[in-house]
């Protein structure tokens, strides 16, 4: 019974082991760095601290 619904559900339940840890933490800010913009009105969380200047620059370009 290859197409058994219960068997397929069991296979999908084990799928979470193949998904990267960061994807399982949807909305989590763990291991991320805050970038505070607009005097504290906007906060963007980034994974790479070295990208802070570029993030600020891109935000200012979009704001215009």
N, C-alpha and C. Protein backbone atom coordinates (compact mmCIF):
# COMPACT_ATOMS: atom_id res chain seq x y z
N UNK A 1 0.84 -1.19 0.00
CA UNK A 1 0.00 0.00 0.00
C UNK A 1 0.88 1.25 0.00
N UNK A 2 1.46 1.56 -1.12
CA UNK A 2 2.34 2.70 -1.21
C UNK A 2 1.61 4.03 -1.04
N UNK A 3 0.40 4.12 -1.49
CA UNK A 3 -0.34 5.38 -1.45
C UNK A 3 -1.26 5.49 -0.24
N UNK A 4 -0.97 4.76 0.79
CA UNK A 4 -1.77 4.83 2.00
C UNK A 4 -1.64 6.23 2.62
N UNK A 5 -2.77 6.84 2.96
CA UNK A 5 -2.77 8.21 3.48
C UNK A 5 -2.01 8.29 4.80
N UNK A 6 -2.19 7.34 5.67
CA UNK A 6 -1.50 7.35 6.96
C UNK A 6 0.01 7.25 6.78
N UNK A 7 0.44 6.43 5.86
CA UNK A 7 1.87 6.29 5.59
C UNK A 7 2.45 7.60 5.08
N UNK A 8 1.74 8.26 4.19
CA UNK A 8 2.20 9.54 3.65
C UNK A 8 2.28 10.60 4.74
N UNK A 9 1.31 10.61 5.65
CA UNK A 9 1.35 11.59 6.74
C UNK A 9 2.53 11.33 7.66
N UNK A 10 2.85 10.08 7.87
CA UNK A 10 4.00 9.75 8.71
C UNK A 10 5.29 10.24 8.05
N UNK A 11 5.37 10.11 6.74
CA UNK A 11 6.56 10.58 6.03
C UNK A 11 6.69 12.09 6.15
N UNK A 12 5.62 12.83 6.06
CA UNK A 12 5.66 14.28 6.17
C UNK A 12 5.99 14.72 7.60
N UNK A 13 5.63 13.93 8.58
CA UNK A 13 5.95 14.25 9.96
C UNK A 13 7.45 14.21 10.19
N UNK A 14 8.14 13.38 9.47
CA UNK A 14 9.58 13.29 9.60
C UNK A 14 10.31 14.31 8.73
N UNK A 15 9.58 15.04 7.95
CA UNK A 15 10.17 16.04 7.05
C UNK A 15 10.86 17.17 7.82
N UNK A 16 10.42 17.46 9.02
CA UNK A 16 10.99 18.57 9.78
C UNK A 16 12.47 18.38 10.09
N UNK A 17 12.97 17.17 10.03
CA UNK A 17 14.38 16.93 10.29
C UNK A 17 15.25 17.37 9.10
N UNK A 18 14.64 17.53 7.93
CA UNK A 18 15.36 17.95 6.74
C UNK A 18 15.30 19.46 6.53
N UNK A 19 14.48 20.16 7.30
CA UNK A 19 14.32 21.60 7.16
C UNK A 19 15.37 22.29 8.04
N UNK A 20 16.04 23.34 7.52
CA UNK A 20 17.04 24.05 8.33
C UNK A 20 16.42 24.62 9.61
N UNK A 21 17.22 24.67 10.66
CA UNK A 21 16.74 25.13 11.97
C UNK A 21 16.17 26.54 11.91
N UNK A 22 16.78 27.42 11.12
CA UNK A 22 16.31 28.80 11.05
C UNK A 22 14.92 28.90 10.45
N UNK A 23 14.56 27.98 9.57
CA UNK A 23 13.23 27.99 8.96
C UNK A 23 12.16 27.50 9.94
N UNK A 24 12.54 26.67 10.90
CA UNK A 24 11.58 26.17 11.88
C UNK A 24 11.23 27.24 12.90
N UNK A 25 12.07 28.25 13.05
CA UNK A 25 11.85 29.31 14.02
C UNK A 25 11.23 30.53 13.35
N UNK A 26 10.10 30.35 12.70
CA UNK A 26 9.44 31.43 11.99
C UNK A 26 9.12 32.56 12.95
N UNK A 27 9.59 33.75 12.62
CA UNK A 27 9.34 34.91 13.45
C UNK A 27 10.29 35.05 14.62
N UNK A 28 11.21 34.15 14.77
CA UNK A 28 12.15 34.20 15.87
C UNK A 28 13.26 35.19 15.57
N UNK A 29 13.68 35.91 16.60
CA UNK A 29 14.78 36.85 16.44
C UNK A 29 16.05 36.33 17.10
N UNK A 30 16.05 35.06 17.45
CA UNK A 30 17.25 34.47 18.04
C UNK A 30 18.36 34.45 17.00
N UNK A 31 19.56 34.74 17.42
CA UNK A 31 20.74 34.77 16.54
C UNK A 31 20.64 35.83 15.45
N UNK A 32 19.89 36.91 15.69
CA UNK A 32 19.79 38.01 14.74
C UNK A 32 20.14 39.31 15.43
N UNK A 33 20.57 40.29 14.65
CA UNK A 33 20.99 41.58 15.19
C UNK A 33 19.98 42.66 14.82
N UNK A 34 19.57 43.50 15.77
CA UNK A 34 18.61 44.56 15.44
C UNK A 34 19.29 45.77 14.81
N UNK A 35 18.62 46.35 13.82
CA UNK A 35 19.05 47.60 13.21
C UNK A 35 17.91 48.59 13.46
N UNK A 36 18.19 49.61 14.26
CA UNK A 36 17.16 50.57 14.64
C UNK A 36 17.18 51.74 13.67
N UNK A 37 16.02 52.00 13.06
CA UNK A 37 15.89 53.05 12.06
C UNK A 37 14.80 54.04 12.47
N UNK A 38 14.80 55.20 11.88
CA UNK A 38 13.79 56.24 12.14
C UNK A 38 13.70 56.61 13.61
N UNK A 39 14.81 56.68 14.28
CA UNK A 39 14.80 57.07 15.69
C UNK A 39 14.07 56.09 16.59
N UNK A 40 14.04 54.84 16.22
CA UNK A 40 13.41 53.82 17.05
C UNK A 40 12.02 53.42 16.59
N UNK A 41 11.51 54.03 15.54
CA UNK A 41 10.18 53.68 15.02
C UNK A 41 10.19 52.36 14.26
N UNK A 42 11.31 52.06 13.63
CA UNK A 42 11.42 50.85 12.81
C UNK A 42 12.63 50.04 13.27
N UNK A 43 12.41 48.75 13.46
CA UNK A 43 13.50 47.84 13.82
C UNK A 43 13.51 46.71 12.81
N UNK A 44 14.67 46.48 12.21
CA UNK A 44 14.85 45.39 11.26
C UNK A 44 15.88 44.45 11.85
N UNK A 45 15.59 43.15 11.84
CA UNK A 45 16.52 42.15 12.34
C UNK A 45 17.25 41.52 11.17
N UNK A 46 18.59 41.49 11.25
CA UNK A 46 19.41 40.91 10.19
C UNK A 46 20.28 39.81 10.78
N UNK A 47 20.65 38.87 9.94
CA UNK A 47 21.44 37.73 10.41
C UNK A 47 22.94 38.04 10.40
N UNK A 48 23.37 38.98 9.56
CA UNK A 48 24.79 39.26 9.41
C UNK A 48 25.07 40.70 9.86
N UNK A 49 25.81 40.85 10.93
CA UNK A 49 26.10 42.17 11.50
C UNK A 49 26.84 43.07 10.52
N UNK A 50 27.64 42.49 9.63
CA UNK A 50 28.41 43.29 8.68
C UNK A 50 27.53 43.94 7.62
N UNK A 51 26.28 43.54 7.52
CA UNK A 51 25.36 44.11 6.53
C UNK A 51 24.55 45.28 7.07
N UNK A 52 24.88 45.76 8.27
CA UNK A 52 24.11 46.82 8.89
C UNK A 52 24.13 48.11 8.07
N UNK A 53 25.29 48.54 7.61
CA UNK A 53 25.40 49.77 6.83
C UNK A 53 24.62 49.67 5.52
N UNK A 54 24.71 48.53 4.87
CA UNK A 54 23.98 48.33 3.62
C UNK A 54 22.48 48.33 3.86
N UNK A 55 22.04 47.74 4.97
CA UNK A 55 20.62 47.72 5.31
C UNK A 55 20.10 49.13 5.55
N UNK A 56 20.86 49.93 6.26
CA UNK A 56 20.47 51.33 6.50
C UNK A 56 20.38 52.11 5.19
N UNK A 57 21.35 51.89 4.30
CA UNK A 57 21.37 52.59 3.02
C UNK A 57 20.16 52.21 2.17
N UNK A 58 19.87 50.91 2.07
CA UNK A 58 18.72 50.46 1.29
C UNK A 58 17.40 50.97 1.86
N UNK A 59 17.30 51.05 3.18
CA UNK A 59 16.10 51.57 3.81
C UNK A 59 15.89 53.04 3.46
N UNK A 60 16.96 53.82 3.49
CA UNK A 60 16.86 55.23 3.14
C UNK A 60 16.47 55.43 1.68
N UNK A 61 16.98 54.57 0.80
CA UNK A 61 16.61 54.66 -0.62
C UNK A 61 15.13 54.36 -0.82
N UNK A 62 14.61 53.37 -0.14
CA UNK A 62 13.19 53.02 -0.27
C UNK A 62 12.27 54.07 0.33
N UNK A 63 12.77 54.72 1.35
CA UNK A 63 11.96 55.72 2.05
C UNK A 63 11.69 56.94 1.17
N UNK A 64 12.62 57.25 0.28
CA UNK A 64 12.48 58.44 -0.59
C UNK A 64 11.44 58.28 -1.64
